Amino acid sequence: MNDKKNILASNLSTEFKKLVLQLNKSNTNKDFQLKIHEPKLFWSINWKTDRYLEECFCVRLFADNTKHSLIAEHQVKDVFDHINDPYFNFKEKTLEEFTLIIKEIIQKTEQAIVESLDKNLDKEM
């Protein structure tokens, strides 16, 4: 089980690194940075923002008994507020199933980040 988890985490990390390179080429003023925590199955893509103290898009995989779930969300931190804006999720899949949909996860993450860049969450704060 741990080998499958490690392989999935490594493959996702590799694809997220490629995505960050691509995002930096197409959005040169945002300075995208990737934070990886493979043991916790957590990836965060942060970017430069003028509106908030911190803005990022997080992808997190977690165990639900024998299956796993994934949640992806846009996160904004400001002086007094913290907003999580969920974008997509996958529920109750095996690690093997997640391995088969890595490209889909990356595509959905890219689409969500591009949408998040222009999203004004101030009215929700």
Foldseek 3Di string as FASTA:
>chain_A
DVVLLLVLLVVLVVLVVVLQVVVCVVCVQWNWDWDGDSVQQKIWIWTDDPPAPTKIKMWGWDDDDQFIKIWIWIWGHHDPDIDTGTDDMDPGHHSVVSSVCSVVVSVSSSVVVVVVVPDDCPVVD
